[in-house]
Amino acid sequence: MIWDKAQELGRLIGQSAEYQALRRAERSLREDKDTVSKLEQIQTLARQVDQLVAQGQMPDEPTAQAYETAVRDLETSVIGQAYVVARANFEKLMAKVNEQMTGGMEKGAASSIITLG
């Protein structure tokens, strides 16, 4: 029963306006060559920073600045802004879903009636 309800919830979330907007924004990101280039640059710089931090070092100023600039350029582009907004809206939806599930679990744990069917 739990798995059926989970699958139903997933289906409903997949049909939500927030999820659909996020998928459209992700598709736009992947289809725009300039945005793909920015994402690749961000990923490359992030790997460099991660490697340095793993070695106990801080990234040099030019690397840190290049990363911040690349992220800012992406976030201020029209496609990037659309993605950021869609992602934030989807995260809000999922936070509300989690909040409701937590409330349901608390009610279920306090209930003396067991319903398995």
Protein backbone atom coordinates (compact mmCIF):
# COMPACT_ATOMS: atom_id res chain seq x y z
CA MET A 1 0.00 0.00 0.00
CA ILE A 2 2.79 2.45 0.86
CA TRP A 3 4.47 1.82 -2.51
CA ASP A 4 1.23 2.41 -4.36
CA LYS A 5 0.69 5.70 -2.53
CA ALA A 6 4.31 6.71 -3.18
CA GLN A 7 3.93 5.98 -6.88
CA GLU A 8 0.66 7.94 -6.99
CA LEU A 9 2.31 10.88 -5.23
CA GLY A 10 5.20 10.74 -7.70
CA ARG A 11 2.76 10.73 -10.61
CA LEU A 12 0.93 13.76 -9.20
CA ILE A 13 4.18 15.63 -8.61
CA GLY A 14 5.25 14.81 -12.16
CA GLN A 15 2.03 16.37 -13.44
CA SER A 16 2.40 19.51 -11.31
CA ALA A 17 2.97 22.89 -12.95
CA GLU A 18 6.14 23.31 -10.89
CA TYR A 19 7.69 20.06 -12.13
CA GLN A 20 6.69 20.73 -15.72
CA ALA A 21 8.19 24.24 -15.56
CA LEU A 22 11.42 22.83 -14.14
CA ARG A 23 11.66 20.27 -16.96
CA ARG A 24 11.07 22.99 -19.58
CA ALA A 25 13.75 25.18 -17.97
CA GLU A 26 16.21 22.26 -17.91
CA ARG A 27 15.47 21.52 -21.57
CA SER A 28 16.12 25.18 -22.44
CA LEU A 29 19.44 25.03 -20.59
CA ARG A 30 20.53 21.95 -22.55
CA GLU A 31 19.43 23.35 -25.91
CA ASP A 32 21.22 26.72 -25.65
CA LYS A 33 24.86 26.43 -26.79
CA ASP A 34 25.98 29.50 -24.85
CA THR A 35 24.39 28.21 -21.66
CA VAL A 36 25.89 24.74 -22.15
CA SER A 37 29.29 26.38 -22.53
CA LYS A 38 28.76 28.34 -19.30
CA LEU A 39 27.69 25.17 -17.47
CA GLU A 40 30.77 23.30 -18.70
CA GLN A 41 33.01 26.16 -17.54
CA ILE A 42 31.31 26.15 -14.12
CA GLN A 43 31.75 22.37 -13.82
CA THR A 44 35.43 22.57 -14.78
CA LEU A 45 36.10 25.35 -12.29
CA ALA A 46 34.10 23.57 -9.57
CA ARG A 47 36.21 20.42 -10.05
CA GLN A 48 39.39 22.50 -9.76
CA VAL A 49 38.14 24.13 -6.56
CA ASP A 50 37.03 20.76 -5.13
CA GLN A 51 40.44 19.24 -5.83
CA LEU A 52 42.23 22.12 -4.13
CA VAL A 53 39.94 21.99 -1.10
CA ALA A 54 40.42 18.21 -0.87
CA GLN A 55 44.16 18.87 -0.71
CA GLY A 56 43.64 21.37 2.08
CA GLN A 57 44.29 24.39 -0.13
CA MET A 58 42.20 27.39 -0.99
CA PRO A 59 41.69 28.23 -4.67
CA ASP A 60 43.71 31.15 -5.95
CA GLU A 61 41.94 34.46 -6.50
CA PRO A 62 41.70 34.19 -10.32
CA THR A 63 40.09 30.73 -10.10
CA ALA A 64 37.64 31.79 -7.40
CA GLN A 65 36.80 34.95 -9.34
CA ALA A 66 36.33 33.04 -12.60
CA TYR A 67 33.96 30.62 -10.87
CA GLU A 68 31.92 33.40 -9.28
CA THR A 69 31.74 35.29 -12.56
CA ALA A 70 30.65 32.20 -14.51
CA VAL A 71 27.91 31.42 -11.98
CA ARG A 72 26.73 35.03 -11.93
CA ASP A 73 26.68 35.16 -15.76
CA LEU A 74 24.58 32.01 -15.86
CA GLU A 75 22.19 33.20 -13.16
CA THR A 76 21.68 36.59 -14.77
CA SER A 77 20.99 35.20 -18.24
CA VAL A 78 17.34 34.88 -19.27
CA ILE A 79 17.59 31.10 -19.49
CA GLY A 80 19.50 30.89 -16.22
CA GLN A 81 16.98 33.06 -14.41
CA ALA A 82 14.11 30.94 -15.72
CA TYR A 83 15.86 27.83 -14.40
CA VAL A 84 16.60 29.38 -10.99
CA VAL A 85 12.96 30.44 -10.60
CA ALA A 86 11.62 27.07 -11.76
CA ARG A 87 14.00 25.23 -9.43
CA ALA A 88 13.03 27.42 -6.46
CA ASN A 89 9.33 26.89 -7.13
CA PHE A 90 9.79 23.12 -7.39
CA GLU A 91 11.81 23.08 -4.16
CA LYS A 92 8.99 24.98 -2.43
CA LEU A 93 6.50 22.40 -3.68
CA MET A 94 8.67 19.54 -2.41
CA ALA A 95 9.14 21.26 0.97
CA LYS A 96 5.34 21.49 1.30
CA VAL A 97 4.99 17.82 0.29
CA ASN A 98 7.57 16.82 2.91
CA GLU A 99 5.83 18.97 5.50
CA GLN A 100 2.51 17.28 4.78
CA MET A 101 4.09 13.82 4.89
CA THR A 102 5.71 14.61 8.23
CA GLY A 103 2.35 15.75 9.60
CA GLY A 104 0.76 12.57 8.32
CA MET A 105 3.47 10.42 9.91
CA GLU A 106 3.01 12.16 13.24
CA LYS A 107 -0.76 11.61 13.10
CA GLY A 108 -0.23 8.01 12.07
CA ALA A 109 2.21 7.35 14.89
CA ALA A 110 -0.22 8.84 17.43
CA SER A 111 -3.22 6.90 16.13
CA SER A 112 -4.22 3.69 17.84
CA ILE A 113 -6.04 2.54 14.70
CA ILE A 114 -3.90 0.47 12.33
CA THR A 115 -4.86 0.71 8.67
CA LEU A 116 -2.93 -1.54 6.30
CA GLY A 117 -5.41 -2.01 3.54
